[in-house]
Amino acid sequence: GPQLHMLEGVARVEAVTLELDEEAGHFLGEFNWHGSAEAEAHVQVYGI
């Protein structure tokens, strides 16, 4: 998923934490987005 995000030009993705157990229903994921195109577009119109 993050790789597709980068291929589509959305952001550079950095995985911080990724834990999952399908059978137990446990998931914990933390990611950093660098150079988010969506945040950039929002700032261009509305600023910080």
ModelCIF file with pLDDT and N, C-alpha, C, O atoms, coordinates in Angstrom:
data_MODEL
#
_entry.id   MODEL 
#
_entity.id                         1 
_entity.type                       polymer 
_entity.pdbx_number_of_molecules   1 
#
_entity_poly.entity_id                      1 
_entity_poly.type                           'polypeptide(L)' 
_entity_poly.nstd_linkage                   no 
_entity_poly.nstd_monomer                   no 
_entity_poly.pdbx_seq_one_letter_code       GPQLHMLEGVARVEAVTLELDEEAGHFLGEFNWHGSAEAEAHVQVYGI 
_entity_poly.pdbx_seq_one_letter_code_can   GPQLHMLEGVARVEAVTLELDEEAGHFLGEFNWHGSAEAEAHVQVYGI 
_entity_poly.pdbx_strand_id                 A 
#
loop_
_entity_poly_seq.entity_id 
_entity_poly_seq.num 
_entity_poly_seq.mon_id 
_entity_poly_seq.hetero 
1 1  GLY n 
1 2  PRO n 
1 3  GLN n 
1 4  LEU n 
1 5  HIS n 
1 6  MET n 
1 7  LEU n 
1 8  GLU n 
1 9  GLY n 
1 10 VAL n 
1 11 ALA n 
1 12 ARG n 
1 13 VAL n 
1 14 GLU n 
1 15 ALA n 
1 16 VAL n 
1 17 THR n 
1 18 LEU n 
1 19 GLU n 
1 20 LEU n 
1 21 ASP n 
1 22 GLU n 
1 23 GLU n 
1 24 ALA n 
1 25 GLY n 
1 26 HIS n 
1 27 PHE n 
1 28 LEU n 
1 29 GLY n 
1 30 GLU n 
1 31 PHE n 
1 32 ASN n 
1 33 TRP n 
1 34 HIS n 
1 35 GLY n 
1 36 SER n 
1 37 ALA n 
1 38 GLU n 
1 39 ALA n 
1 40 GLU n 
1 41 ALA n 
1 42 HIS n 
1 43 VAL n 
1 44 GLN n 
1 45 VAL n 
1 46 TYR n 
1 47 GLY n 
1 48 ILE n 
#
_struct_asym.id          A 
_struct_asym.entity_id   1 
#
loop_
_ma_qa_metric.id 
_ma_qa_metric.mode 
_ma_qa_metric.name 
_ma_qa_metric.software_group_id 
_ma_qa_metric.type 
1 global pLDDT . pLDDT 
2 local  pLDDT . pLDDT 
#
_ma_qa_metric_global.metric_id      1 
_ma_qa_metric_global.metric_value   90.52 
_ma_qa_metric_global.model_id       1 
_ma_qa_metric_global.ordinal_id     1 
#
loop_
_ma_qa_metric_local.label_asym_id 
_ma_qa_metric_local.label_comp_id 
_ma_qa_metric_local.label_seq_id 
_ma_qa_metric_local.metric_id 
_ma_qa_metric_local.metric_value 
_ma_qa_metric_local.model_id 
_ma_qa_metric_local.ordinal_id 
A GLY 1  2 85.00 1 1  
A PRO 2  2 87.00 1 2  
A GLN 3  2 86.00 1 3  
A LEU 4  2 85.00 1 4  
A HIS 5  2 82.00 1 5  
A MET 6  2 87.00 1 6  
A LEU 7  2 86.00 1 7  
A GLU 8  2 86.00 1 8  
A GLY 9  2 89.00 1 9  
A VAL 10 2 91.00 1 10 
A ALA 11 2 92.00 1 11 
A ARG 12 2 92.00 1 12 
A VAL 13 2 92.00 1 13 
A GLU 14 2 92.00 1 14 
A ALA 15 2 90.00 1 15 
A VAL 16 2 93.00 1 16 
A THR 17 2 92.00 1 17 
A LEU 18 2 91.00 1 18 
A GLU 19 2 91.00 1 19 
A LEU 20 2 87.00 1 20 
A ASP 21 2 87.00 1 21 
A GLU 22 2 83.00 1 22 
A GLU 23 2 84.00 1 23 
A ALA 24 2 86.00 1 24 
A GLY 25 2 85.00 1 25 
A HIS 26 2 89.00 1 26 
A PHE 27 2 92.00 1 27 
A LEU 28 2 94.00 1 28 
A GLY 29 2 93.00 1 29 
A GLU 30 2 95.00 1 30 
A PHE 31 2 94.00 1 31 
A ASN 32 2 95.00 1 32 
A TRP 33 2 94.00 1 33 
A HIS 34 2 94.00 1 34 
A GLY 35 2 93.00 1 35 
A SER 36 2 94.00 1 36 
A ALA 37 2 94.00 1 37 
A GLU 38 2 94.00 1 38 
A ALA 39 2 95.00 1 39 
A GLU 40 2 94.00 1 40 
A ALA 41 2 93.00 1 41 
A HIS 42 2 93.00 1 42 
A VAL 43 2 93.00 1 43 
A GLN 44 2 91.00 1 44 
A VAL 45 2 91.00 1 45 
A TYR 46 2 92.00 1 46 
A GLY 47 2 93.00 1 47 
A ILE 48 2 94.00 1 48 
#
loop_
_atom_site.group_PDB 
_atom_site.id 
_atom_site.type_symbol 
_atom_site.label_atom_id 
_atom_site.label_alt_id 
_atom_site.label_comp_id 
_atom_site.label_asym_id 
_atom_site.label_entity_id 
_atom_site.label_seq_id 
_atom_site.pdbx_PDB_ins_code 
_atom_site.Cartn_x 
_atom_site.Cartn_y 
_atom_site.Cartn_z 
_atom_site.occupancy 
_atom_site.B_iso_or_equiv 
_atom_site.pdbx_formal_charge 
_atom_site.auth_seq_id 
_atom_site.auth_comp_id 
_atom_site.auth_asym_id 
_atom_site.auth_atom_id 
_atom_site.pdbx_PDB_model_num 
ATOM 1   N N  . GLY A 1 1  ? 0.812  -1.221  0.000  1.00 85.00 ? 1  GLY A N  1 
ATOM 2   C CA . GLY A 1 1  ? 0.000  0.000   0.000  1.00 85.00 ? 1  GLY A CA 1 
ATOM 3   C C  . GLY A 1 1  ? 0.838  1.260   0.000  1.00 85.00 ? 1  GLY A C  1 
ATOM 4   O O  . GLY A 1 1  ? 0.651  2.109   -0.872 1.00 85.00 ? 1  GLY A O  1 
ATOM 5   N N  . PRO A 1 2  ? 1.767  1.420   0.957  1.00 87.00 ? 2  PRO A N  1 
ATOM 6   C CA . PRO A 1 2  ? 2.653  2.591   0.913  1.00 87.00 ? 2  PRO A CA 1 
ATOM 7   C C  . PRO A 1 2  ? 3.483  2.675   -0.366 1.00 87.00 ? 2  PRO A C  1 
ATOM 8   O O  . PRO A 1 2  ? 3.747  3.771   -0.862 1.00 87.00 ? 2  PRO A O  1 
ATOM 9   N N  . GLN A 1 3  ? 3.894  1.528   -0.902 1.00 86.00 ? 3  GLN A N  1 
ATOM 10  C CA . GLN A 1 3  ? 4.656  1.542   -2.139 1.00 86.00 ? 3  GLN A CA 1 
ATOM 11  C C  . GLN A 1 3  ? 3.805  2.070   -3.304 1.00 86.00 ? 3  GLN A C  1 
ATOM 12  O O  . GLN A 1 3  ? 4.287  2.839   -4.135 1.00 86.00 ? 3  GLN A O  1 
ATOM 13  N N  . LEU A 1 4  ? 2.548  1.652   -3.350 1.00 85.00 ? 4  LEU A N  1 
ATOM 14  C CA . LEU A 1 4  ? 1.636  2.176   -4.367 1.00 85.00 ? 4  LEU A CA 1 
ATOM 15  C C  . LEU A 1 4  ? 1.426  3.676   -4.179 1.00 85.00 ? 4  LEU A C  1 
ATOM 16  O O  . LEU A 1 4  ? 1.359  4.428   -5.151 1.00 85.00 ? 4  LEU A O  1 
ATOM 17  N N  . HIS A 1 5  ? 1.323  4.105   -2.919 1.00 82.00 ? 5  HIS A N  1 
ATOM 18  C CA . HIS A 1 5  ? 1.161  5.525   -2.624 1.00 82.00 ? 5  HIS A CA 1 
ATOM 19  C C  . HIS A 1 5  ? 2.316  6.337   -3.203 1.00 82.00 ? 5  HIS A C  1 
ATOM 20  O O  . HIS A 1 5  ? 2.114  7.407   -3.778 1.00 82.00 ? 5  HIS A O  1 
ATOM 21  N N  . MET A 1 6  ? 3.507  5.820   -3.045 1.00 87.00 ? 6  MET A N  1 
ATOM 22  C CA . MET A 1 6  ? 4.674  6.541   -3.572 1.00 87.00 ? 6  MET A CA 1 
ATOM 23  C C  . MET A 1 6  ? 4.691  6.501   -5.096 1.00 87.00 ? 6  MET A C  1 
ATOM 24  O O  . MET A 1 6  ? 5.010  7.497   -5.745 1.00 87.00 ? 6  MET A O  1 
ATOM 25  N N  . LEU A 1 7  ? 4.346  5.342   -5.666 1.00 86.00 ? 7  LEU A N  1 
ATOM 26  C CA . LEU A 1 7  ? 4.317  5.229   -7.124 1.00 86.00 ? 7  LEU A CA 1 
ATOM 27  C C  . LEU A 1 7  ? 3.316  6.202   -7.726 1.00 86.00 ? 7  LEU A C  1 
ATOM 28  O O  . LEU A 1 7  ? 3.533  6.713   -8.825 1.00 86.00 ? 7  LEU A O  1 
ATOM 29  N N  . GLU A 1 8  ? 2.227  6.463   -7.023 1.00 86.00 ? 8  GLU A N  1 
ATOM 30  C CA . GLU A 1 8  ? 1.194  7.376   -7.500 1.00 86.00 ? 8  GLU A CA 1 
ATOM 31  C C  . GLU A 1 8  ? 1.523  8.832   -7.193 1.00 86.00 ? 8  GLU A C  1 
ATOM 32  O O  . GLU A 1 8  ? 0.728  9.720   -7.500 1.00 86.00 ? 8  GLU A O  1 
ATOM 33  N N  . GLY A 1 9  ? 2.697  9.095   -6.585 1.00 89.00 ? 9  GLY A N  1 
ATOM 34  C CA . GLY A 1 9  ? 3.161  10.465  -6.381 1.00 89.00 ? 9  GLY A CA 1 
ATOM 35  C C  . GLY A 1 9  ? 2.546  11.174  -5.197 1.00 89.00 ? 9  GLY A C  1 
ATOM 36  O O  . GLY A 1 9  ? 2.534  12.405  -5.155 1.00 89.00 ? 9  GLY A O  1 
ATOM 37  N N  . VAL A 1 10 ? 2.029  10.419  -4.224 1.00 91.00 ? 10 VAL A N  1 
ATOM 38  C CA . VAL A 1 10 ? 1.316  11.047  -3.107 1.00 91.00 ? 10 VAL A CA 1 
ATOM 39  C C  . VAL A 1 10 ? 2.282  11.545  -2.043 1.00 91.00 ? 10 VAL A C  1 
ATOM 40  O O  . VAL A 1 10 ? 2.141  12.668  -1.558 1.00 91.00 ? 10 VAL A O  1 
ATOM 41  N N  . ALA A 1 11 ? 3.258  10.729  -1.673 1.00 92.00 ? 11 ALA A N  1 
ATOM 42  C CA . ALA A 1 11 ? 4.211  11.105  -0.625 1.00 92.00 ? 11 ALA A CA 1 
ATOM 43  C C  . ALA A 1 11 ? 5.304  10.046  -0.562 1.00 92.00 ? 11 ALA A C  1 
ATOM 44  O O  . ALA A 1 11 ? 5.166  8.958   -1.121 1.00 92.00 ? 11 ALA A O  1 
ATOM 45  N N  . ARG A 1 12 ? 6.385  10.381  0.122  1.00 92.00 ? 12 ARG A N  1 
ATOM 46  C CA . ARG A 1 12 ? 7.387  9.366   0.455  1.00 92.00 ? 12 ARG A CA 1 
ATOM 47  C C  . ARG A 1 12 ? 7.024  8.799   1.815  1.00 92.00 ? 12 ARG A C  1 
ATOM 48  O O  . ARG A 1 12 ? 6.854  9.539   2.783  1.00 92.00 ? 12 ARG A O  1 
ATOM 49  N N  . VAL A 1 13 ? 6.906  7.486   1.880  1.00 92.00 ? 13 VAL A N  1 
ATOM 50  C CA . VAL A 1 13 ? 6.386  6.835   3.080  1.00 92.00 ? 13 VAL A CA 1 
ATOM 51  C C  . VAL A 1 13 ? 7.508  6.140   3.828  1.00 92.00 ? 13 VAL A C  1 
ATOM 52  O O  . VAL A 1 13 ? 8.370  5.491   3.237  1.00 92.00 ? 13 VAL A O  1 
ATOM 53  N N  . GLU A 1 14 ? 7.473  6.294   5.146  1.00 92.00 ? 14 GLU A N  1 
ATOM 54  C CA . GLU A 1 14 ? 8.470  5.689   6.021  1.00 92.00 ? 14 GLU A CA 1 
ATOM 55  C C  . GLU A 1 14 ? 7.723  4.904   7.099  1.00 92.00 ? 14 GLU A C  1 
ATOM 56  O O  . GLU A 1 14 ? 6.908  5.468   7.829  1.00 92.00 ? 14 GLU A O  1 
ATOM 57  N N  . ALA A 1 15 ? 7.999  3.624   7.194  1.00 90.00 ? 15 ALA A N  1 
ATOM 58  C CA . ALA A 1 15 ? 7.335  2.789   8.190  1.00 90.00 ? 15 ALA A CA 1 
ATOM 59  C C  . ALA A 1 15 ? 8.044  2.917   9.534  1.00 90.00 ? 15 ALA A C  1 
ATOM 60  O O  . ALA A 1 15 ? 9.250  2.685   9.626  1.00 90.00 ? 15 ALA A O  1 
ATOM 61  N N  . VAL A 1 16 ? 7.306  3.282   10.565 1.00 93.00 ? 16 VAL A N  1 
ATOM 62  C CA . VAL A 1 16 ? 7.845  3.381   11.917 1.00 93.00 ? 16 VAL A CA 1 
ATOM 63  C C  . VAL A 1 16 ? 7.532  2.111   12.694 1.00 93.00 ? 16 VAL A C  1 
ATOM 64  O O  . VAL A 1 16 ? 8.422  1.507   13.293 1.00 93.00 ? 16 VAL A O  1 
ATOM 65  N N  . THR A 1 17 ? 6.274  1.709   12.683 1.00 92.00 ? 17 THR A N  1 
ATOM 66  C CA . THR A 1 17 ? 5.833  0.494   13.376 1.00 92.00 ? 17 THR A CA 1 
ATOM 67  C C  . THR A 1 17 ? 4.786  -0.194  12.529 1.00 92.00 ? 17 THR A C  1 
ATOM 68  O O  . THR A 1 17 ? 3.901  0.457   11.973 1.00 92.00 ? 17 THR A O  1 
ATOM 69  N N  . LEU A 1 18 ? 4.882  -1.506  12.429 1.00 91.00 ? 18 LEU A N  1 
ATOM 70  C CA . LEU A 1 18 ? 3.847  -2.282  11.756 1.00 91.00 ? 18 LEU A CA 1 
ATOM 71  C C  . LEU A 1 18 ? 3.735  -3.635  12.435 1.00 91.00 ? 18 LEU A C  1 
ATOM 72  O O  . LEU A 1 18 ? 4.594  -4.499  12.261 1.00 91.00 ? 18 LEU A O  1 
ATOM 73  N N  . GLU A 1 19 ? 2.677  -3.814  13.207 1.00 91.00 ? 19 GLU A N  1 
ATOM 74  C CA . GLU A 1 19 ? 2.394  -5.066  13.903 1.00 91.00 ? 19 GLU A CA 1 
ATOM 75  C C  . GLU A 1 19 ? 1.019  -5.544  13.462 1.00 91.00 ? 19 GLU A C  1 
ATOM 76  O O  . GLU A 1 19 ? 0.061  -4.770  13.442 1.00 91.00 ? 19 GLU A O  1 
ATOM 77  N N  . LEU A 1 20 ? 0.926  -6.810  13.111 1.00 87.00 ? 20 LEU A N  1 
ATOM 78  C CA . LEU A 1 20 ? -0.407 -7.322  12.790 1.00 87.00 ? 20 LEU A CA 1 
ATOM 79  C C  . LEU A 1 20 ? -0.479 -8.818  13.032 1.00 87.00 ? 20 LEU A C  1 
ATOM 80  O O  . LEU A 1 20 ? 0.488  -9.561  12.864 1.00 87.00 ? 20 LEU A O  1 
ATOM 81  N N  . ASP A 1 21 ? -1.663 -9.216  13.432 1.00 87.00 ? 21 ASP A N  1 
ATOM 82  C CA . ASP A 1 21 ? -2.001 -10.623 13.610 1.00 87.00 ? 21 ASP A CA 1 
ATOM 83  C C  . ASP A 1 21 ? -3.431 -10.767 13.120 1.00 87.00 ? 21 ASP A C  1 
ATOM 84  O O  . ASP A 1 21 ? -4.372 -10.403 13.825 1.00 87.00 ? 21 ASP A O  1 
ATOM 85  N N  . GLU A 1 22 ? -3.598 -11.296 11.918 1.00 83.00 ? 22 GLU A N  1 
ATOM 86  C CA . GLU A 1 22 ? -4.930 -11.388 11.321 1.00 83.00 ? 22 GLU A CA 1 
ATOM 87  C C  . GLU A 1 22 ? -5.888 -12.181 12.194 1.00 83.00 ? 22 GLU A C  1 
ATOM 88  O O  . GLU A 1 22 ? -7.040 -11.787 12.381 1.00 83.00 ? 22 GLU A O  1 
ATOM 89  N N  . GLU A 1 23 ? -5.405 -13.312 12.734 1.00 84.00 ? 23 GLU A N  1 
ATOM 90  C CA . GLU A 1 23 ? -6.286 -14.200 13.471 1.00 84.00 ? 23 GLU A CA 1 
ATOM 91  C C  . GLU A 1 23 ? -6.737 -13.592 14.795 1.00 84.00 ? 23 GLU A C  1 
ATOM 92  O O  . GLU A 1 23 ? -7.870 -13.807 15.225 1.00 84.00 ? 23 GLU A O  1 
ATOM 93  N N  . ALA A 1 24 ? -5.853 -12.833 15.440 1.00 86.00 ? 24 ALA A N  1 
ATOM 94  C CA . ALA A 1 24 ? -6.223 -12.187 16.705 1.00 86.00 ? 24 ALA A CA 1 
ATOM 95  C C  . ALA A 1 24 ? -6.893 -10.840 16.485 1.00 86.00 ? 24 ALA A C  1 
ATOM 96  O O  . ALA A 1 24 ? -7.391 -10.231 17.432 1.00 86.00 ? 24 ALA A O  1 
ATOM 97  N N  . GLY A 1 25 ? -6.909 -10.370 15.241 1.00 85.00 ? 25 GLY A N  1 
ATOM 98  C CA . GLY A 1 25 ? -7.516 -9.070  14.959 1.00 85.00 ? 25 GLY A CA 1 
ATOM 99  C C  . GLY A 1 25 ? -6.688 -7.908  15.459 1.00 85.00 ? 25 GLY A C  1 
ATOM 100 O O  . GLY A 1 25 ? -7.215 -6.816  15.673 1.00 85.00 ? 25 GLY A O  1 
ATOM 101 N N  . HIS A 1 26 ? -5.387 -8.130  15.648 1.00 89.00 ? 26 HIS A N  1 
ATOM 102 C CA . HIS A 1 26 ? -4.519 -7.060  16.161 1.00 89.00 ? 26 HIS A CA 1 
ATOM 103 C C  . HIS A 1 26 ? -3.837 -6.346  14.998 1.00 89.00 ? 26 HIS A C  1 
ATOM 104 O O  . HIS A 1 26 ? -3.295 -6.986  14.097 1.00 89.00 ? 26 HIS A O  1 
ATOM 105 N N  . PHE A 1 27 ? -3.869 -5.026  15.027 1.00 92.00 ? 27 PHE A N  1 
ATOM 106 C CA . PHE A 1 27 ? -3.127 -4.229  14.052 1.00 92.00 ? 27 PHE A CA 1 
ATOM 107 C C  . PHE A 1 27 ? -2.679 -2.942  14.722 1.00 92.00 ? 27 PHE A C  1 
ATOM 108 O O  . PHE A 1 27 ? -3.457 -2.281  15.410 1.00 92.00 ? 27 PHE A O  1 
ATOM 109 N N  . LEU A 1 28 ? -1.435 -2.599  14.517 1.00 94.00 ? 28 LEU A N  1 
ATOM 110 C CA . LEU A 1 28 ? -0.899 -1.304  14.942 1.00 94.00 ? 28 LEU A CA 1 
ATOM 111 C C  . LEU A 1 28 ? 0.114  -0.871  13.904 1.00 94.00 ? 28 LEU A C  1 
ATOM 112 O O  . LEU A 1 28 ? 1.143  -1.522  13.718 1.00 94.00 ? 28 LEU A O  1 
ATOM 113 N N  . GLY A 1 29 ? -0.175 0.221   13.232 1.00 93.00 ? 29 GLY A N  1 
ATOM 114 C CA . GLY A 1 29 ? 0.727  0.733   12.214 1.00 93.00 ? 29 GLY A CA 1 
ATOM 115 C C  . GLY A 1 29 ? 0.960  2.217   12.383 1.00 93.00 ? 29 GLY A C  1 
ATOM 116 O O  . GLY A 1 29 ? 0.023  2.990   12.578 1.00 93.00 ? 29 GLY A O  1 
ATOM 117 N N  . GLU A 1 30 ? 2.215  2.602   12.306 1.00 95.00 ? 30 GLU A N  1 
ATOM 118 C CA . GLU A 1 30 ? 2.570  4.031   12.353 1.00 95.00 ? 30 GLU A CA 1 
ATOM 119 C C  . GLU A 1 30 ? 3.490  4.318   11.174 1.00 95.00 ? 30 GLU A C  1 
ATOM 120 O O  . GLU A 1 30 ? 4.476  3.614   10.958 1.00 95.00 ? 30 GLU A O  1 
ATOM 121 N N  . PHE A 1 31 ? 3.159  5.359   10.412 1.00 94.00 ? 31 PHE A N  1 
ATOM 122 C CA . PHE A 1 31 ? 3.925  5.714   9.222  1.00 94.00 ? 31 PHE A CA 1 
ATOM 123 C C  . PHE A 1 31 ? 4.172  7.221   9.212  1.00 94.00 ? 31 PHE A C  1 
ATOM 124 O O  . PHE A 1 31 ? 3.355  8.006   9.694  1.00 94.00 ? 31 PHE A O  1 
ATOM 125 N N  . ASN A 1 32 ? 5.305  7.597   8.658  1.00 95.00 ? 32 ASN A N  1 
ATOM 126 C CA . ASN A 1 32 ? 5.613  9.003   8.400  1.00 95.00 ? 32 ASN A CA 1 
ATOM 127 C C  . ASN A 1 32 ? 5.453  9.282   6.914  1.00 95.00 ? 32 ASN A C  1 
ATOM 128 O O  . ASN A 1 32 ? 5.897  8.501   6.073  1.00 95.00 ? 32 ASN A O  1 
ATOM 129 N N  . TRP A 1 33 ? 4.820  10.395  6.601  1.00 94.00 ? 33 TRP A N  1 
ATOM 130 C CA . TRP A 1 33 ? 4.692  10.832  5.216  1.00 94.00 ? 33 TRP A CA 1 
ATOM 131 C C  . TRP A 1 33 ? 5.572  12.071  5.016  1.00 94.00 ? 33 TRP A C  1 
ATOM 132 O O  . TRP A 1 33 ? 5.434  13.064  5.731  1.00 94.00 ? 33 TRP A O  1 
ATOM 133 N N  . HIS A 1 34 ? 6.457  12.000  4.057  1.00 94.00 ? 34 HIS A N  1 
ATOM 134 C CA . HIS A 1 34 ? 7.340  13.123  3.752  1.00 94.00 ? 34 HIS A CA 1 
ATOM 135 C C  . HIS A 1 34 ? 6.921  13.723  2.410  1.00 94.00 ? 34 HIS A C  1 
ATOM 136 O O  . HIS A 1 34 ? 6.766  13.007  1.420  1.00 94.00 ? 34 HIS A O  1 
ATOM 137 N N  . GLY A 1 35 ? 6.744  15.020  2.389  1.00 93.00 ? 35 GLY A N  1 
ATOM 138 C CA . GLY A 1 35 ? 6.384  15.707  1.145  1.00 93.00 ? 35 GLY A CA 1 
ATOM 139 C C  . GLY A 1 35 ? 4.982  15.377  0.671  1.00 93.00 ? 35 GLY A C  1 
ATOM 140 O O  . GLY A 1 35 ? 4.773  15.139  -0.519 1.00 93.00 ? 35 GLY A O  1 
ATOM 141 N N  . SER A 1 36 ? 4.023  15.357  1.573  1.00 94.00 ? 36 SER A N  1 
ATOM 142 C CA . SER A 1 36 ? 2.645  15.023  1.209  1.00 94.00 ? 36 SER A CA 1 
ATOM 143 C C  . SER A 1 36 ? 2.087  16.014  0.194  1.00 94.00 ? 36 SER A C  1 
ATOM 144 O O  . SER A 1 36 ? 2.048  17.218  0.449  1.00 94.00 ? 36 SER A O  1 
ATOM 145 N N  . ALA A 1 37 ? 1.650  15.497  -0.969 1.00 94.00 ? 37 ALA A N  1 
ATOM 146 C CA . ALA A 1 37 ? 1.069  16.352  -2.000 1.00 94.00 ? 37 ALA A CA 1 
ATOM 147 C C  . ALA A 1 37 ? -0.238 16.973  -1.516 1.00 94.00 ? 37 ALA A C  1 
ATOM 148 O O  . ALA A 1 37 ? -0.547 18.112  -1.866 1.00 94.00 ? 37 ALA A O  1 
ATOM 149 N N  . GLU A 1 38 ? -1.006 16.238  -0.717 1.00 94.00 ? 38 GLU A N  1 
ATOM 150 C CA . GLU A 1 38 ? -2.292 16.750  -0.241 1.00 94.00 ? 38 GLU A CA 1 
ATOM 151 C C  . GLU A 1 38 ? -2.089 17.906  0.736  1.00 94.00 ? 38 GLU A C  1 
ATOM 152 O O  . GLU A 1 38 ? -2.786 18.918  0.654  1.00 94.00 ? 38 GLU A O  1 
ATOM 153 N N  . ALA A 1 39 ? -1.140 17.759  1.657  1.00 95.00 ? 39 ALA A N  1 
ATOM 154 C CA . ALA A 1 39 ? -0.857 18.848  2.593  1.00 95.00 ? 39 ALA A CA 1 
ATOM 155 C C  . ALA A 1 39 ? -0.334 20.077  1.850  1.00 95.00 ? 39 ALA A C  1 
ATOM 156 O O  . ALA A 1 39 ? -0.676 21.211  2.186  1.00 95.00 ? 39 ALA A O  1 
ATOM 157 N N  . GLU A 1 40 ? 0.493  19.837  0.844  1.00 94.00 ? 40 GLU A N  1 
ATOM 158 C CA . GLU A 1 40 ? 1.034  20.943  0.054  1.00 94.00 ? 40 GLU A CA 1 
ATOM 159 C C  . GLU A 1 40 ? -0.085 21.717  -0.641 1.00 94.00 ? 40 GLU A C  1 
ATOM 160 O O  . GLU A 1 40 ? -0.084 22.948  -0.645 1.00 94.00 ? 40 GLU A O  1 
ATOM 161 N N  . ALA A 1 41 ? -1.048 20.987  -1.235 1.00 93.00 ? 41 ALA A N  1 
ATOM 162 C CA . ALA A 1 41 ? -2.160 21.654  -1.909 1.00 93.00 ? 41 ALA A CA 1 
ATOM 163 C C  . ALA A 1 41 ? -3.010 22.450  -0.934 1.00 93.00 ? 41 ALA A C  1 
ATOM 164 O O  . ALA A 1 41 ? -3.493 23.531  -1.269 1.00 93.00 ? 41 ALA A O  1 
ATOM 165 N N  . HIS A 1 42 ? -3.196 21.925  0.269  1.00 93.00 ? 42 HIS A N  1 
ATOM 166 C CA . HIS A 1 42 ? -3.998 22.626  1.270  1.00 93.00 ? 42 HIS A CA 1 
ATOM 167 C C  . HIS A 1 42 ? -3.298 23.912  1.731  1.00 93.00 ? 42 HIS A C  1 
ATOM 168 O O  . HIS A 1 42 ? -3.938 24.950  1.905  1.00 93.00 ? 42 HIS A O  1 
ATOM 169 N N  . VAL A 1 43 ? -1.988 23.827  1.925  1.00 93.00 ? 43 VAL A N  1 
ATOM 170 C CA . VAL A 1 43 ? -1.232 25.002  2.390  1.00 93.00 ? 43 VAL A CA 1 
ATOM 171 C C  . VAL A 1 43 ? -1.220 26.090  1.320  1.00 93.00 ? 43 VAL A C  1 
ATOM 172 O O  . VAL A 1 43 ? -1.255 27.276  1.648  1.00 93.00 ? 43 VAL A O  1 
ATOM 173 N N  . GLN A 1 44 ? -1.171 25.705  0.055  1.00 91.00 ? 44 GLN A N  1 
ATOM 174 C CA . GLN A 1 44 ? -1.157 26.689  -1.022 1.00 91.00 ? 44 GLN A CA 1 
ATOM 175 C C  . GLN A 1 44 ? -2.409 27.558  -1.013 1.00 91.00 ? 44 GLN A C  1 
ATOM 176 O O  . GLN A 1 44 ? -2.360 28.725  -1.404 1.00 91.00 ? 44 GLN A O  1 
ATOM 177 N N  . VAL A 1 45 ? -3.527 26.996  -0.570 1.00 91.00 ? 45 VAL A N  1 
ATOM 178 C CA . VAL A 1 45 ? -4.795 27.730  -0.564 1.00 91.00 ? 45 VAL A CA 1 
ATOM 179 C C  . VAL A 1 45 ? -5.039 28.408  0.777  1.00 91.00 ? 45 VAL A C  1 
ATOM 180 O O  . VAL A 1 45 ? -5.445 29.569  0.822  1.00 91.00 ? 45 VAL A O  1 
ATOM 181 N N  . TYR A 1 46 ? -4.794 27.686  1.874  1.00 92.00 ? 46 TYR A N  1 
ATOM 182 C CA . TYR A 1 46 ? -5.194 28.173  3.195  1.00 92.00 ? 46 TYR A CA 1 
ATOM 183 C C  . TYR A 1 46 ? -4.026 28.544  4.107  1.00 92.00 ? 46 TYR A C  1 
ATOM 184 O O  . TYR A 1 46 ? -4.239 29.082  5.194  1.00 92.00 ? 46 TYR A O  1 
ATOM 185 N N  . GLY A 1 47 ? -2.788 28.259  3.673  1.00 93.00 ? 47 GLY A N  1 
ATOM 186 C CA . GLY A 1 47 ? -1.657 28.525  4.544  1.00 93.00 ? 47 GLY A CA 1 
ATOM 187 C C  . GLY A 1 47 ? -1.603 27.509  5.678  1.00 93.00 ? 47 GLY A C  1 
ATOM 188 O O  . GLY A 1 47 ? -2.282 26.482  5.643  1.00 93.00 ? 47 GLY A O  1 
ATOM 189 N N  . ILE A 1 48 ? -0.778 27.812  6.692  1.00 94.00 ? 48 ILE A N  1 
ATOM 190 C CA . ILE A 1 48 ? -0.660 26.922  7.847  1.00 94.00 ? 48 ILE A CA 1 
ATOM 191 C C  . ILE A 1 48 ? -1.959 27.000  8.659  1.00 94.00 ? 48 ILE A C  1 
ATOM 192 O O  . ILE A 1 48 ? -2.088 26.329  9.683  1.00 94.00 ? 48 ILE A O  1 
#
